[in-house]
Amino acid sequence: MSTSRALIHRFLQVLVIAFIPMVVTMNAGAQTTDRTAQLEKEIEAIKQRLNKLESAQGIPIADPKPVWRQQQAQGISP
């Protein structure tokens, strides 16, 4: 009986040890996605401000779509 308990205990240890890195990785991936979305919003806000400043000075406004977005639309990966 003690052998089966030791095996079960060992199995649970391995399961926990394997589970912890998986949770940490998923959490880091979610944080990266959230941060990327936040940075994209900030970039768009900065571009809008820049366009307003340039238009006020009579500078022609460049294409607001980033090159990598254009490539994604065309099916080309960056």
PDB file of N, CA and C in Angstrom:
ATOM      1  N   MET A   1       0.813  -1.194   0.000  1.00  0.00           N
ATOM      2  CA  MET A   1       0.000   0.000   0.000  1.00  0.00           C
ATOM      3  C   MET A   1       0.859   1.261   0.000  1.00  0.00           C
ATOM      4  N   SER A   2       1.975   1.248   0.680  1.00  0.00           N
ATOM      5  CA  SER A   2       2.826   2.433   0.731  1.00  0.00           C
ATOM      6  C   SER A   2       3.487   2.702  -0.612  1.00  0.00           C
ATOM      7  N   THR A   3       3.703   1.660  -1.424  1.00  0.00           N
ATOM      8  CA  THR A   3       4.293   1.848  -2.744  1.00  0.00           C
ATOM      9  C   THR A   3       3.338   2.599  -3.659  1.00  0.00           C
ATOM     10  N   SER A   4       2.064   2.258  -3.605  1.00  0.00           N
ATOM     11  CA  SER A   4       1.094   2.946  -4.452  1.00  0.00           C
ATOM     12  C   SER A   4       0.915   4.396  -4.000  1.00  0.00           C
ATOM     13  N   ARG A   5       0.966   4.631  -2.702  1.00  0.00           N
ATOM     14  CA  ARG A   5       0.878   6.010  -2.198  1.00  0.00           C
ATOM     15  C   ARG A   5       2.091   6.828  -2.646  1.00  0.00           C
ATOM     16  N   ALA A   6       3.245   6.207  -2.620  1.00  0.00           N
ATOM     17  CA  ALA A   6       4.457   6.899  -3.057  1.00  0.00           C
ATOM     18  C   ALA A   6       4.376   7.223  -4.544  1.00  0.00           C
ATOM     19  N   LEU A   7       3.838   6.310  -5.331  1.00  0.00           N
ATOM     20  CA  LEU A   7       3.680   6.560  -6.769  1.00  0.00           C
ATOM     21  C   LEU A   7       2.685   7.683  -7.024  1.00  0.00           C
ATOM     22  N   ILE A   8       1.583   7.663  -6.298  1.00  0.00           N
ATOM     23  CA  ILE A   8       0.584   8.728  -6.444  1.00  0.00           C
ATOM     24  C   ILE A   8       1.180  10.064  -6.024  1.00  0.00           C
ATOM     25  N   HIS A   9       1.900  10.071  -4.917  1.00  0.00           N
ATOM     26  CA  HIS A   9       2.539  11.306  -4.443  1.00  0.00           C
ATOM     27  C   HIS A   9       3.540  11.829  -5.480  1.00  0.00           C
ATOM     28  N   ARG A  10       4.333  10.924  -6.032  1.00  0.00           N
ATOM     29  CA  ARG A  10       5.325  11.311  -7.048  1.00  0.00           C
ATOM     30  C   ARG A  10       4.635  11.845  -8.301  1.00  0.00           C
ATOM     31  N   PHE A  11       3.544  11.187  -8.713  1.00  0.00           N
ATOM     32  CA  PHE A  11       2.792  11.627  -9.878  1.00  0.00           C
ATOM     33  C   PHE A  11       2.245  13.041  -9.670  1.00  0.00           C
ATOM     34  N   LEU A  12       1.702  13.298  -8.490  1.00  0.00           N
ATOM     35  CA  LEU A  12       1.172  14.629  -8.193  1.00  0.00           C
ATOM     36  C   LEU A  12       2.275  15.682  -8.181  1.00  0.00           C
ATOM     37  N   GLN A  13       3.436  15.336  -7.685  1.00  0.00           N
ATOM     38  CA  GLN A  13       4.568  16.269  -7.703  1.00  0.00           C
ATOM     39  C   GLN A  13       4.941  16.628  -9.135  1.00  0.00           C
ATOM     40  N   VAL A  14       5.053  15.626  -9.976  1.00  0.00           N
ATOM     41  CA  VAL A  14       5.404  15.856 -11.383  1.00  0.00           C
ATOM     42  C   VAL A  14       4.328  16.684 -12.064  1.00  0.00           C
ATOM     43  N   LEU A  15       3.081  16.386 -11.772  1.00  0.00           N
ATOM     44  CA  LEU A  15       1.966  17.130 -12.368  1.00  0.00           C
ATOM     45  C   LEU A  15       2.020  18.611 -11.988  1.00  0.00           C
ATOM     46  N   VAL A  16       2.271  18.896 -10.723  1.00  0.00           N
ATOM     47  CA  VAL A  16       2.357  20.283 -10.257  1.00  0.00           C
ATOM     48  C   VAL A  16       3.561  20.986 -10.878  1.00  0.00           C
ATOM     49  N   ILE A  17       4.685  20.302 -10.920  1.00  0.00           N
ATOM     50  CA  ILE A  17       5.896  20.900 -11.490  1.00  0.00           C
ATOM     51  C   ILE A  17       5.700  21.205 -12.972  1.00  0.00           C
ATOM     52  N   ALA A  18       4.971  20.356 -13.678  1.00  0.00           N
ATOM     53  CA  ALA A  18       4.717  20.588 -15.097  1.00  0.00           C
ATOM     54  C   ALA A  18       3.663  21.679 -15.303  1.00  0.00           C
ATOM     55  N   PHE A  19       2.742  21.801 -14.376  1.00  0.00           N
ATOM     56  CA  PHE A  19       1.636  22.747 -14.513  1.00  0.00           C
ATOM     57  C   PHE A  19       2.063  24.190 -14.271  1.00  0.00           C
ATOM     58  N   ILE A  20       2.968  24.430 -13.351  1.00  0.00           N
ATOM     59  CA  ILE A  20       3.389  25.792 -12.991  1.00  0.00           C
ATOM     60  C   ILE A  20       3.981  26.553 -14.177  1.00  0.00           C
ATOM     61  N   PRO A  21       4.942  26.004 -14.927  1.00  0.00           N
ATOM     62  CA  PRO A  21       5.468  26.759 -16.075  1.00  0.00           C
ATOM     63  C   PRO A  21       4.408  27.042 -17.145  1.00  0.00           C
ATOM     64  N   MET A  22       3.453  26.129 -17.279  1.00  0.00           N
ATOM     65  CA  MET A  22       2.387  26.337 -18.255  1.00  0.00           C
ATOM     66  C   MET A  22       1.540  27.554 -17.878  1.00  0.00           C
ATOM     67  N   VAL A  23       1.217  27.686 -16.607  1.00  0.00           N
ATOM     68  CA  VAL A  23       0.430  28.829 -16.132  1.00  0.00           C
ATOM     69  C   VAL A  23       1.213  30.118 -16.303  1.00  0.00           C
ATOM     70  N   VAL A  24       2.477  30.097 -15.957  1.00  0.00           N
ATOM     71  CA  VAL A  24       3.320  31.291 -16.081  1.00  0.00           C
ATOM     72  C   VAL A  24       3.425  31.711 -17.552  1.00  0.00           C
ATOM     73  N   THR A  25       3.592  30.768 -18.437  1.00  0.00           N
ATOM     74  CA  THR A  25       3.705  31.061 -19.867  1.00  0.00           C
ATOM     75  C   THR A  25       2.415  31.652 -20.418  1.00  0.00           C
ATOM     76  N   MET A  26       1.296  31.091 -20.043  1.00  0.00           N
ATOM     77  CA  MET A  26       0.017  31.620 -20.526  1.00  0.00           C
ATOM     78  C   MET A  26      -0.206  33.037 -20.022  1.00  0.00           C
ATOM     79  N   ASN A  27       0.140  33.295 -18.775  1.00  0.00           N
ATOM     80  CA  ASN A  27      -0.024  34.624 -18.203  1.00  0.00           C
ATOM     81  C   ASN A  27       0.878  35.629 -18.917  1.00  0.00           C
ATOM     82  N   ALA A  28       2.109  35.234 -19.200  1.00  0.00           N
ATOM     83  CA  ALA A  28       3.035  36.134 -19.892  1.00  0.00           C
ATOM     84  C   ALA A  28       2.539  36.428 -21.300  1.00  0.00           C
ATOM     85  N   GLY A  29       1.989  35.430 -21.961  1.00  0.00           N
ATOM     86  CA  GLY A  29       1.450  35.632 -23.308  1.00  0.00           C
ATOM     87  C   GLY A  29       0.277  36.595 -23.308  1.00  0.00           C
ATOM     88  N   ALA A  30      -0.580  36.489 -22.316  1.00  0.00           N
ATOM     89  CA  ALA A  30      -1.724  37.396 -22.211  1.00  0.00           C
ATOM     90  C   ALA A  30      -1.256  38.823 -21.948  1.00  0.00           C
ATOM     91  N   GLN A  31      -0.250  38.982 -21.088  1.00  0.00           N
ATOM     92  CA  GLN A  31       0.276  40.309 -20.808  1.00  0.00           C
ATOM     93  C   GLN A  31       0.918  40.910 -22.050  1.00  0.00           C
ATOM     94  N   THR A  32       1.612  40.098 -22.831  1.00  0.00           N
ATOM     95  CA  THR A  32       2.238  40.577 -24.058  1.00  0.00           C
ATOM     96  C   THR A  32       1.182  41.055 -25.044  1.00  0.00           C
ATOM     97  N   THR A  33       0.106  40.299 -25.182  1.00  0.00           N
ATOM     98  CA  THR A  33      -0.973  40.672 -26.089  1.00  0.00           C
ATOM     99  C   THR A  33      -1.617  41.981 -25.651  1.00  0.00           C
ATOM    100  N   ASP A  34      -1.873  42.109 -24.351  1.00  0.00           N
ATOM    101  CA  ASP A  34      -2.471  43.343 -23.827  1.00  0.00           C
ATOM    102  C   ASP A  34      -1.539  44.533 -24.055  1.00  0.00           C
ATOM    103  N   ARG A  35      -0.264  44.335 -23.820  1.00  0.00           N
ATOM    104  CA  ARG A  35       0.711  45.419 -23.990  1.00  0.00           C
ATOM    105  C   ARG A  35       0.820  45.819 -25.455  1.00  0.00           C
ATOM    106  N   THR A  36       0.801  44.836 -26.349  1.00  0.00           N
ATOM    107  CA  THR A  36       0.861  45.130 -27.784  1.00  0.00           C
ATOM    108  C   THR A  36      -0.347  45.952 -28.209  1.00  0.00           C
ATOM    109  N   ALA A  37      -1.525  45.568 -27.754  1.00  0.00           N
ATOM    110  CA  ALA A  37      -2.741  46.316 -28.092  1.00  0.00           C
ATOM    111  C   ALA A  37      -2.663  47.741 -27.556  1.00  0.00           C
ATOM    112  N   GLN A  38      -2.172  47.900 -26.337  1.00  0.00           N
ATOM    113  CA  GLN A  38      -2.041  49.236 -25.743  1.00  0.00           C
ATOM    114  C   GLN A  38      -1.052  50.089 -26.536  1.00  0.00           C
ATOM    115  N   LEU A  39       0.066  49.500 -26.928  1.00  0.00           N
ATOM    116  CA  LEU A  39       1.063  50.250 -27.706  1.00  0.00           C
ATOM    117  C   LEU A  39       0.516  50.649 -29.069  1.00  0.00           C
ATOM    118  N   GLU A  40      -0.264  49.777 -29.696  1.00  0.00           N
ATOM    119  CA  GLU A  40      -0.862  50.127 -30.984  1.00  0.00           C
ATOM    120  C   GLU A  40      -1.816  51.303 -30.845  1.00  0.00           C
ATOM    121  N   LYS A  41      -2.595  51.332 -29.750  1.00  0.00           N
ATOM    122  CA  LYS A  41      -3.503  52.459 -29.506  1.00  0.00           C
ATOM    123  C   LYS A  41      -2.707  53.753 -29.310  1.00  0.00           C
ATOM    124  N   GLU A  42      -1.623  53.673 -28.548  1.00  0.00           N
ATOM    125  CA  GLU A  42      -0.800  54.857 -28.319  1.00  0.00           C
ATOM    126  C   GLU A  42      -0.162  55.350 -29.612  1.00  0.00           C
ATOM    127  N   ILE A  43       0.277  54.437 -30.456  1.00  0.00           N
ATOM    128  CA  ILE A  43       0.878  54.813 -31.739  1.00  0.00           C
ATOM    129  C   ILE A  43      -0.154  55.518 -32.608  1.00  0.00           C
ATOM    130  N   GLU A  44      -1.366  54.986 -32.653  1.00  0.00           N
ATOM    131  CA  GLU A  44      -2.419  55.619 -33.453  1.00  0.00           C
ATOM    132  C   GLU A  44      -2.734  57.021 -32.932  1.00  0.00           C
ATOM    133  N   ALA A  45      -2.771  57.195 -31.607  1.00  0.00           N
ATOM    134  CA  ALA A  45      -3.038  58.518 -31.035  1.00  0.00           C
ATOM    135  C   ALA A  45      -1.920  59.496 -31.397  1.00  0.00           C
ATOM    136  N   ILE A  46      -0.672  59.029 -31.352  1.00  0.00           N
ATOM    137  CA  ILE A  46       0.463  59.885 -31.712  1.00  0.00           C
ATOM    138  C   ILE A  46       0.399  60.255 -33.189  1.00  0.00           C
ATOM    139  N   LYS A  47       0.035  59.301 -34.037  1.00  0.00           N
ATOM    140  CA  LYS A  47      -0.079  59.585 -35.476  1.00  0.00           C
ATOM    141  C   LYS A  47      -1.165  60.612 -35.750  1.00  0.00           C
ATOM    142  N   GLN A  48      -2.275  60.511 -35.037  1.00  0.00           N
ATOM    143  CA  GLN A  48      -3.350  61.493 -35.216  1.00  0.00           C
ATOM    144  C   GLN A  48      -2.888  62.885 -34.799  1.00  0.00           C
ATOM    145  N   ARG A  49      -2.177  62.960 -33.681  1.00  0.00           N
ATOM    146  CA  ARG A  49      -1.655  64.255 -33.239  1.00  0.00           C
ATOM    147  C   ARG A  49      -0.662  64.809 -34.251  1.00  0.00           C
ATOM    148  N   LEU A  50       0.203  63.956 -34.772  1.00  0.00           N
ATOM    149  CA  LEU A  50       1.187  64.380 -35.763  1.00  0.00           C
ATOM    150  C   LEU A  50       0.499  64.867 -37.035  1.00  0.00           C
ATOM    151  N   ASN A  51      -0.525  64.157 -37.482  1.00  0.00           N
ATOM    152  CA  ASN A  51      -1.262  64.578 -38.670  1.00  0.00           C
ATOM    153  C   ASN A  51      -1.907  65.947 -38.468  1.00  0.00           C
ATOM    154  N   LYS A  52      -2.455  66.189 -37.270  1.00  0.00           N
ATOM    155  CA  LYS A  52      -3.052  67.501 -36.989  1.00  0.00           C
ATOM    156  C   LYS A  52      -1.998  68.599 -37.035  1.00  0.00           C
ATOM    157  N   LEU A  53      -0.834  68.325 -36.441  1.00  0.00           N
ATOM    158  CA  LEU A  53       0.244  69.318 -36.448  1.00  0.00           C
ATOM    159  C   LEU A  53       0.746  69.578 -37.870  1.00  0.00           C
ATOM    160  N   GLU A  54       0.923  68.509 -38.633  1.00  0.00           N
ATOM    161  CA  GLU A  54       1.413  68.669 -40.003  1.00  0.00           C
ATOM    162  C   GLU A  54       0.398  69.403 -40.871  1.00  0.00           C
ATOM    163  N   SER A  55      -0.891  69.087 -40.713  1.00  0.00           N
ATOM    164  CA  SER A  55      -1.894  69.762 -41.528  1.00  0.00           C
ATOM    165  C   SER A  55      -1.997  71.240 -41.154  1.00  0.00           C
ATOM    166  N   ALA A  56      -1.788  71.562 -39.878  1.00  0.00           N
ATOM    167  CA  ALA A  56      -1.816  72.961 -39.446  1.00  0.00           C
ATOM    168  C   ALA A  56      -0.640  73.742 -40.043  1.00  0.00           C
ATOM    169  N   GLN A  57       0.458  73.052 -40.329  1.00  0.00           N
ATOM    170  CA  GLN A  57       1.630  73.701 -40.909  1.00  0.00           C
ATOM    171  C   GLN A  57       1.658  73.595 -42.433  1.00  0.00           C
ATOM    172  N   GLY A  58       0.642  72.947 -43.008  1.00  0.00           N
ATOM    173  CA  GLY A  58       0.585  72.821 -44.461  1.00  0.00           C
ATOM    174  C   GLY A  58       1.460  71.716 -45.022  1.00  0.00           C
ATOM    175  N   ILE A  59       1.896  70.803 -44.181  1.00  0.00           N
ATOM    176  CA  ILE A  59       2.721  69.679 -44.630  1.00  0.00           C
ATOM    177  C   ILE A  59       1.783  68.571 -45.103  1.00  0.00           C
ATOM    178  N   PRO A  60       2.035  67.994 -46.298  1.00  0.00           N
ATOM    179  CA  PRO A  60       1.164  66.920 -46.774  1.00  0.00           C
ATOM    180  C   PRO A  60       1.191  65.726 -45.812  1.00  0.00           C
ATOM    181  N   ILE A  61       0.040  65.128 -45.610  1.00  0.00           N
ATOM    182  CA  ILE A  61      -0.082  64.001 -44.679  1.00  0.00           C
ATOM    183  C   ILE A  61       0.301  62.716 -45.402  1.00  0.00           C
ATOM    184  N   ALA A  62       1.192  61.942 -44.779  1.00  0.00           N
ATOM    185  CA  ALA A  62       1.633  60.668 -45.346  1.00  0.00           C
ATOM    186  C   ALA A  62       0.546  59.613 -45.160  1.00  0.00           C
ATOM    187  N   ASP A  63       0.699  58.481 -45.849  1.00  0.00           N
ATOM    188  CA  ASP A  63      -0.235  57.375 -45.713  1.00  0.00           C
ATOM    189  C   ASP A  63      -0.236  56.913 -44.253  1.00  0.00           C
ATOM    190  N   PRO A  64      -1.388  56.962 -43.572  1.00  0.00           N
ATOM    191  CA  PRO A  64      -1.411  56.626 -42.153  1.00  0.00           C
ATOM    192  C   PRO A  64      -1.259  55.133 -41.860  1.00  0.00           C
ATOM    193  N   LYS A  65      -1.398  54.287 -42.871  1.00  0.00           N
ATOM    194  CA  LYS A  65      -1.304  52.851 -42.639  1.00  0.00           C
ATOM    195  C   LYS A  65       0.154  52.425 -42.642  1.00  0.00           C
ATOM    196  N   PRO A  66       0.634  51.815 -41.559  1.00  0.00           N
ATOM    197  CA  PRO A  66       2.027  51.373 -41.511  1.00  0.00           C
ATOM    198  C   PRO A  66       2.321  50.331 -42.592  1.00  0.00           C
ATOM    199  N   VAL A  67       3.565  50.247 -42.985  1.00  0.00           N
ATOM    200  CA  VAL A  67       3.965  49.322 -44.038  1.00  0.00           C
ATOM    201  C   VAL A  67       3.615  47.886 -43.665  1.00  0.00           C
ATOM    202  N   TRP A  68       3.859  47.504 -42.417  1.00  0.00           N
ATOM    203  CA  TRP A  68       3.597  46.114 -42.041  1.00  0.00           C
ATOM    204  C   TRP A  68       2.118  45.803 -42.085  1.00  0.00           C
ATOM    205  N   ARG A  69       1.253  46.810 -41.858  1.00  0.00           N
ATOM    206  CA  ARG A  69      -0.193  46.595 -41.976  1.00  0.00           C
ATOM    207  C   ARG A  69      -0.565  46.409 -43.447  1.00  0.00           C
ATOM    208  N   GLN A  70       0.073  47.187 -44.319  1.00  0.00           N
ATOM    209  CA  GLN A  70      -0.174  47.034 -45.750  1.00  0.00           C
ATOM    210  C   GLN A  70       0.239  45.643 -46.208  1.00  0.00           C
ATOM    211  N   GLN A  71       1.361  45.164 -45.675  1.00  0.00           N
ATOM    212  CA  GLN A  71       1.837  43.835 -46.051  1.00  0.00           C
ATOM    213  C   GLN A  71       0.877  42.757 -45.532  1.00  0.00           C
ATOM    214  N   GLN A  72       0.344  42.957 -44.351  1.00  0.00           N
ATOM    215  CA  GLN A  72      -0.617  41.988 -43.822  1.00  0.00           C
ATOM    216  C   GLN A  72      -1.854  41.947 -44.696  1.00  0.00           C
ATOM    217  N   ALA A  73      -2.316  43.106 -45.140  1.00  0.00           N
ATOM    218  CA  ALA A  73      -3.499  43.177 -45.993  1.00  0.00           C
ATOM    219  C   ALA A  73      -3.257  42.465 -47.320  1.00  0.00           C
ATOM    220  N   GLN A  74      -2.013  42.478 -47.777  1.00  0.00           N
ATOM    221  CA  GLN A  74      -1.676  41.822 -49.039  1.00  0.00           C
ATOM    222  C   GLN A  74      -1.314  40.357 -48.837  1.00  0.00           C
ATOM    223  N   GLY A  75      -1.310  39.889 -47.592  1.00  0.00           N
ATOM    224  CA  GLY A  75      -0.988  38.502 -47.303  1.00  0.00           C
ATOM    225  C   GLY A  75       0.487  38.226 -47.172  1.00  0.00           C
ATOM    226  N   ILE A  76       1.300  39.289 -47.013  1.00  0.00           N
ATOM    227  CA  ILE A  76       2.734  39.130 -46.844  1.00  0.00           C
ATOM    228  C   ILE A  76       3.033  39.235 -45.365  1.00  0.00           C
ATOM    229  N   SER A  77       3.726  38.254 -44.802  1.00  0.00           N
ATOM    230  CA  SER A  77       4.047  38.315 -43.373  1.00  0.00           C
ATOM    231  C   SER A  77       5.305  39.147 -43.169  1.00  0.00           C
ATOM    232  N   PRO A  78       5.336  39.933 -42.062  1.00  0.00           N
ATOM    233  CA  PRO A  78       6.508  40.797 -41.810  1.00  0.00           C
ATOM    234  C   PRO A  78       7.743  40.012 -41.443  1.00  0.00           C
TER     235      PRO A  78
END
